[in-house]
Amino acid sequence: MDRQALLDTVERLRRLPREAATVEFKANWDRPEDIGEYLSALGNAAALEGHERAWMVWGVDNRTHAVQGTHFNPFAAKGEGNQPLSMWLTQKTSPRAYFQFHELTQPAGRLVV
């Protein structure tokens, strides 16, 4: 998905009246175990609801949906044993979750999707 499509998706998600089973907003939340649990839960919810994918967006306030930016960096983050976060999450989720991290910058702050 290209940058503009991701920005458009984030704006569409922010316009929702509240988070959904397949949409989660976070600020600087970065515990690998928690991220793994959410990946699994979001993936399961997407499958149950017939959605192609689910979304976790860092840098958006979960109450107001305002962009506040994030310091979370999934590309530098580590899981257990100092393993890169993406590799650790891939190995620890069962069934294996398919996911991608994307970094976006907009005037109100940096986002990770």
N, C-alpha and C. Protein backbone atom coordinates (compact mmCIF):
# COMPACT_ATOMS: atom_id res chain seq x y z
N MET A 1 0.85 -1.18 0.00
CA MET A 1 0.00 0.00 0.00
C MET A 1 0.90 1.24 0.00
N ASP A 2 0.62 2.18 -0.89
CA ASP A 2 1.47 3.37 -0.96
C ASP A 2 1.13 4.36 0.15
N ARG A 3 2.00 5.36 0.30
CA ARG A 3 1.89 6.32 1.39
C ARG A 3 0.53 7.03 1.40
N GLN A 4 0.09 7.53 0.24
CA GLN A 4 -1.18 8.26 0.21
C GLN A 4 -2.35 7.35 0.57
N ALA A 5 -2.34 6.12 0.10
CA ALA A 5 -3.41 5.18 0.44
C ALA A 5 -3.42 4.92 1.94
N LEU A 6 -2.25 4.81 2.55
CA LEU A 6 -2.19 4.61 4.00
C LEU A 6 -2.71 5.84 4.75
N LEU A 7 -2.31 7.02 4.32
CA LEU A 7 -2.81 8.25 4.95
C LEU A 7 -4.33 8.34 4.82
N ASP A 8 -4.86 8.01 3.65
CA ASP A 8 -6.31 8.02 3.45
C ASP A 8 -7.00 7.00 4.36
N THR A 9 -6.40 5.84 4.52
CA THR A 9 -6.96 4.80 5.40
C THR A 9 -6.97 5.27 6.83
N VAL A 10 -5.87 5.88 7.28
CA VAL A 10 -5.81 6.40 8.66
C VAL A 10 -6.89 7.44 8.87
N GLU A 11 -7.08 8.33 7.92
CA GLU A 11 -8.13 9.35 8.06
C GLU A 11 -9.51 8.71 8.13
N ARG A 12 -9.75 7.70 7.31
CA ARG A 12 -11.05 6.98 7.35
C ARG A 12 -11.25 6.32 8.70
N LEU A 13 -10.20 5.69 9.24
CA LEU A 13 -10.30 5.04 10.54
C LEU A 13 -10.52 6.05 11.66
N ARG A 14 -9.87 7.20 11.58
CA ARG A 14 -10.03 8.24 12.60
C ARG A 14 -11.45 8.79 12.63
N ARG A 15 -12.15 8.73 11.50
CA ARG A 15 -13.53 9.24 11.44
C ARG A 15 -14.55 8.26 12.04
N LEU A 16 -14.11 7.04 12.34
CA LEU A 16 -15.03 6.09 12.98
C LEU A 16 -15.47 6.65 14.33
N PRO A 17 -16.68 6.35 14.77
CA PRO A 17 -17.15 6.88 16.06
C PRO A 17 -16.38 6.30 17.24
N ARG A 18 -15.79 5.13 17.07
CA ARG A 18 -15.03 4.49 18.15
C ARG A 18 -14.15 3.40 17.53
N GLU A 19 -13.22 2.91 18.33
CA GLU A 19 -12.42 1.78 17.87
C GLU A 19 -13.37 0.60 17.61
N ALA A 20 -12.91 -0.34 16.81
CA ALA A 20 -13.73 -1.50 16.45
C ALA A 20 -12.92 -2.76 16.70
N ALA A 21 -13.54 -3.90 16.49
CA ALA A 21 -12.84 -5.18 16.69
C ALA A 21 -11.63 -5.29 15.77
N THR A 22 -11.63 -4.56 14.67
CA THR A 22 -10.52 -4.62 13.72
C THR A 22 -9.74 -3.30 13.61
N VAL A 23 -9.98 -2.39 14.56
CA VAL A 23 -9.28 -1.10 14.56
C VAL A 23 -8.87 -0.76 15.99
N GLU A 24 -7.58 -0.50 16.17
CA GLU A 24 -7.05 -0.17 17.50
C GLU A 24 -6.09 1.01 17.37
N PHE A 25 -6.26 2.01 18.23
CA PHE A 25 -5.37 3.17 18.27
C PHE A 25 -4.53 3.11 19.53
N LYS A 26 -3.26 3.45 19.39
CA LYS A 26 -2.33 3.46 20.51
C LYS A 26 -1.45 4.70 20.41
N ALA A 27 -0.81 5.07 21.52
CA ALA A 27 0.11 6.21 21.52
C ALA A 27 1.54 5.70 21.39
N ASN A 28 2.19 5.44 22.49
CA ASN A 28 3.57 4.98 22.48
C ASN A 28 3.69 3.57 23.05
N TRP A 29 2.68 2.81 22.95
CA TRP A 29 2.55 1.46 23.49
C TRP A 29 3.51 0.54 22.76
N ASP A 30 4.44 -0.11 23.49
CA ASP A 30 5.49 -0.84 22.78
C ASP A 30 5.90 -2.17 23.40
N ARG A 31 5.12 -2.72 24.32
CA ARG A 31 5.49 -4.02 24.91
C ARG A 31 5.28 -5.13 23.89
N PRO A 32 6.34 -5.85 23.51
CA PRO A 32 6.22 -6.89 22.48
C PRO A 32 5.12 -7.92 22.76
N GLU A 33 5.00 -8.36 24.00
CA GLU A 33 3.97 -9.36 24.33
C GLU A 33 2.57 -8.82 24.07
N ASP A 34 2.34 -7.57 24.44
CA ASP A 34 1.03 -6.96 24.22
C ASP A 34 0.75 -6.77 22.73
N ILE A 35 1.76 -6.36 21.98
CA ILE A 35 1.59 -6.19 20.54
C ILE A 35 1.23 -7.53 19.91
N GLY A 36 1.91 -8.60 20.33
CA GLY A 36 1.60 -9.93 19.81
C GLY A 36 0.18 -10.35 20.11
N GLU A 37 -0.29 -10.10 21.33
CA GLU A 37 -1.67 -10.44 21.69
C GLU A 37 -2.66 -9.65 20.83
N TYR A 38 -2.40 -8.36 20.64
CA TYR A 38 -3.29 -7.55 19.82
C TYR A 38 -3.27 -7.99 18.36
N LEU A 39 -2.09 -8.33 17.83
CA LEU A 39 -2.03 -8.82 16.45
C LEU A 39 -2.91 -10.05 16.28
N SER A 40 -2.82 -10.97 17.23
CA SER A 40 -3.63 -12.18 17.16
C SER A 40 -5.12 -11.85 17.26
N ALA A 41 -5.47 -11.00 18.22
CA ALA A 41 -6.88 -10.64 18.42
C ALA A 41 -7.44 -9.90 17.20
N LEU A 42 -6.68 -8.96 16.67
CA LEU A 42 -7.14 -8.22 15.50
C LEU A 42 -7.28 -9.14 14.29
N GLY A 43 -6.32 -10.04 14.10
CA GLY A 43 -6.40 -10.99 12.99
C GLY A 43 -7.60 -11.90 13.11
N ASN A 44 -7.84 -12.40 14.31
CA ASN A 44 -9.02 -13.26 14.53
C ASN A 44 -10.31 -12.50 14.27
N ALA A 45 -10.38 -11.27 14.74
CA ALA A 45 -11.58 -10.46 14.53
C ALA A 45 -11.80 -10.21 13.04
N ALA A 46 -10.72 -9.92 12.31
CA ALA A 46 -10.85 -9.70 10.87
C ALA A 46 -11.39 -10.95 10.18
N ALA A 47 -10.87 -12.10 10.56
CA ALA A 47 -11.33 -13.36 9.95
C ALA A 47 -12.81 -13.60 10.27
N LEU A 48 -13.19 -13.39 11.52
CA LEU A 48 -14.58 -13.62 11.94
C LEU A 48 -15.55 -12.66 11.25
N GLU A 49 -15.11 -11.43 11.03
CA GLU A 49 -15.99 -10.42 10.44
C GLU A 49 -15.88 -10.37 8.91
N GLY A 50 -15.04 -11.22 8.34
CA GLY A 50 -14.89 -11.26 6.89
C GLY A 50 -14.12 -10.08 6.32
N HIS A 51 -13.26 -9.45 7.12
CA HIS A 51 -12.45 -8.34 6.64
C HIS A 51 -11.12 -8.87 6.10
N GLU A 52 -10.59 -8.20 5.14
CA GLU A 52 -9.30 -8.59 4.56
C GLU A 52 -8.16 -8.33 5.54
N ARG A 53 -8.30 -7.30 6.37
CA ARG A 53 -7.24 -6.95 7.32
C ARG A 53 -7.81 -6.17 8.49
N ALA A 54 -6.96 -6.03 9.49
CA ALA A 54 -7.27 -5.22 10.66
C ALA A 54 -6.18 -4.16 10.78
N TRP A 55 -6.43 -3.16 11.61
CA TRP A 55 -5.50 -2.03 11.70
C TRP A 55 -5.16 -1.71 13.14
N MET A 56 -3.88 -1.52 13.40
CA MET A 56 -3.41 -0.96 14.66
C MET A 56 -2.62 0.29 14.26
N VAL A 57 -2.99 1.43 14.84
CA VAL A 57 -2.37 2.69 14.48
C VAL A 57 -1.78 3.32 15.74
N TRP A 58 -0.46 3.49 15.74
CA TRP A 58 0.21 4.18 16.83
C TRP A 58 0.29 5.66 16.47
N GLY A 59 0.05 6.51 17.47
CA GLY A 59 0.13 7.95 17.27
C GLY A 59 -1.23 8.62 17.18
N VAL A 60 -2.30 7.85 17.44
CA VAL A 60 -3.66 8.39 17.44
C VAL A 60 -4.27 8.12 18.81
N ASP A 61 -4.82 9.15 19.42
CA ASP A 61 -5.45 9.01 20.73
C ASP A 61 -6.69 8.12 20.60
N ASN A 62 -6.78 7.09 21.44
CA ASN A 62 -7.89 6.14 21.29
C ASN A 62 -9.24 6.71 21.73
N ARG A 63 -9.25 7.81 22.45
CA ARG A 63 -10.52 8.40 22.88
C ARG A 63 -11.02 9.45 21.89
N THR A 64 -10.12 10.37 21.50
CA THR A 64 -10.53 11.49 20.62
C THR A 64 -10.23 11.24 19.15
N HIS A 65 -9.39 10.28 18.86
CA HIS A 65 -8.92 9.96 17.51
C HIS A 65 -8.09 11.07 16.89
N ALA A 66 -7.59 11.97 17.74
CA ALA A 66 -6.70 13.04 17.26
C ALA A 66 -5.29 12.47 17.08
N VAL A 67 -4.61 12.94 16.05
CA VAL A 67 -3.22 12.54 15.84
C VAL A 67 -2.38 13.25 16.89
N GLN A 68 -1.60 12.47 17.63
CA GLN A 68 -0.71 13.03 18.64
C GLN A 68 0.74 12.64 18.39
N GLY A 69 0.96 11.76 17.44
CA GLY A 69 2.31 11.31 17.13
C GLY A 69 2.74 10.20 18.08
N THR A 70 3.79 9.49 17.69
CA THR A 70 4.31 8.40 18.51
C THR A 70 5.83 8.35 18.43
N HIS A 71 6.42 7.81 19.48
CA HIS A 71 7.86 7.55 19.50
C HIS A 71 8.14 6.08 19.22
N PHE A 72 7.09 5.25 19.15
CA PHE A 72 7.26 3.82 18.90
C PHE A 72 7.92 3.61 17.54
N ASN A 73 8.98 2.83 17.53
CA ASN A 73 9.69 2.52 16.29
C ASN A 73 9.79 1.01 16.15
N PRO A 74 8.88 0.40 15.39
CA PRO A 74 8.89 -1.06 15.28
C PRO A 74 10.13 -1.60 14.58
N PHE A 75 10.83 -0.75 13.83
CA PHE A 75 12.00 -1.20 13.09
C PHE A 75 13.24 -1.27 13.98
N ALA A 76 13.21 -0.57 15.10
CA ALA A 76 14.32 -0.62 16.05
C ALA A 76 13.96 -1.43 17.29
N ALA A 77 12.67 -1.69 17.49
CA ALA A 77 12.20 -2.40 18.69
C ALA A 77 12.67 -3.86 18.68
N LYS A 78 12.81 -4.39 19.89
CA LYS A 78 13.27 -5.77 20.05
C LYS A 78 12.26 -6.58 20.85
N GLY A 79 12.20 -7.88 20.54
CA GLY A 79 11.42 -8.83 21.33
C GLY A 79 12.35 -9.50 22.33
N GLU A 80 11.92 -10.62 22.87
CA GLU A 80 12.75 -11.36 23.80
C GLU A 80 14.06 -11.76 23.13
N GLY A 81 15.13 -11.82 23.93
CA GLY A 81 16.42 -12.24 23.40
C GLY A 81 17.02 -11.25 22.43
N ASN A 82 16.60 -10.00 22.50
CA ASN A 82 17.13 -8.94 21.64
C ASN A 82 16.89 -9.20 20.15
N GLN A 83 15.88 -9.98 19.85
CA GLN A 83 15.52 -10.31 18.47
C GLN A 83 14.70 -9.15 17.88
N PRO A 84 14.90 -8.81 16.61
CA PRO A 84 14.07 -7.75 16.01
C PRO A 84 12.58 -8.05 16.21
N LEU A 85 11.82 -7.01 16.54
CA LEU A 85 10.41 -7.18 16.89
C LEU A 85 9.63 -7.94 15.83
N SER A 86 9.76 -7.58 14.56
CA SER A 86 9.00 -8.26 13.50
C SER A 86 9.30 -9.75 13.48
N MET A 87 10.56 -10.12 13.58
CA MET A 87 10.94 -11.53 13.57
C MET A 87 10.38 -12.24 14.80
N TRP A 88 10.49 -11.60 15.96
CA TRP A 88 10.00 -12.19 17.20
C TRP A 88 8.49 -12.41 17.13
N LEU A 89 7.75 -11.40 16.64
CA LEU A 89 6.30 -11.54 16.53
C LEU A 89 5.91 -12.65 15.56
N THR A 90 6.62 -12.74 14.45
CA THR A 90 6.33 -13.79 13.47
C THR A 90 6.52 -15.17 14.08
N GLN A 91 7.57 -15.33 14.88
CA GLN A 91 7.85 -16.63 15.49
C GLN A 91 6.91 -16.96 16.65
N LYS A 92 6.43 -15.95 17.35
CA LYS A 92 5.64 -16.18 18.56
C LYS A 92 4.15 -16.26 18.33
N THR A 93 3.64 -15.80 17.20
CA THR A 93 2.20 -15.87 16.98
C THR A 93 1.86 -17.20 16.30
N SER A 94 0.80 -17.81 16.79
CA SER A 94 0.38 -19.10 16.25
C SER A 94 -1.15 -19.15 16.24
N PRO A 95 -1.77 -19.35 15.10
CA PRO A 95 -1.11 -19.48 13.80
C PRO A 95 -0.37 -18.20 13.45
N ARG A 96 0.61 -18.34 12.60
CA ARG A 96 1.49 -17.22 12.26
C ARG A 96 0.67 -16.07 11.67
N ALA A 97 0.89 -14.91 12.25
CA ALA A 97 0.19 -13.71 11.78
C ALA A 97 0.96 -13.08 10.63
N TYR A 98 0.25 -12.63 9.63
CA TYR A 98 0.86 -11.86 8.56
C TYR A 98 0.60 -10.39 8.87
N PHE A 99 1.66 -9.63 8.97
CA PHE A 99 1.52 -8.21 9.30
C PHE A 99 2.66 -7.43 8.66
N GLN A 100 2.46 -6.13 8.58
CA GLN A 100 3.49 -5.21 8.11
C GLN A 100 3.41 -3.95 8.94
N PHE A 101 4.55 -3.35 9.21
CA PHE A 101 4.61 -2.05 9.85
C PHE A 101 4.92 -1.00 8.78
N HIS A 102 4.22 0.13 8.87
CA HIS A 102 4.47 1.26 7.97
C HIS A 102 4.62 2.50 8.83
N GLU A 103 5.54 3.35 8.45
CA GLU A 103 5.77 4.60 9.16
C GLU A 103 5.29 5.75 8.27
N LEU A 104 4.52 6.66 8.86
CA LEU A 104 4.00 7.82 8.12
C LEU A 104 4.25 9.08 8.92
N THR A 105 4.50 10.15 8.24
CA THR A 105 4.63 11.44 8.91
C THR A 105 3.59 12.36 8.31
N GLN A 106 2.89 13.05 9.19
CA GLN A 106 1.94 14.06 8.75
C GLN A 106 2.14 15.27 9.63
N PRO A 107 1.57 16.41 9.30
CA PRO A 107 1.85 17.63 10.06
C PRO A 107 1.62 17.50 11.58
N ALA A 108 0.64 16.73 12.00
CA ALA A 108 0.34 16.62 13.43
C ALA A 108 1.24 15.62 14.15
N GLY A 109 2.01 14.83 13.43
CA GLY A 109 2.91 13.89 14.10
C GLY A 109 3.20 12.64 13.29
N ARG A 110 4.09 11.85 13.84
CA ARG A 110 4.53 10.59 13.20
C ARG A 110 3.57 9.48 13.59
N LEU A 111 3.22 8.65 12.62
CA LEU A 111 2.32 7.51 12.84
C LEU A 111 3.02 6.22 12.45
N VAL A 112 2.63 5.13 13.11
CA VAL A 112 3.03 3.80 12.70
C VAL A 112 1.75 3.02 12.51
N VAL A 113 1.62 2.36 11.37
CA VAL A 113 0.43 1.60 11.04
C VAL A 113 0.83 0.14 10.89
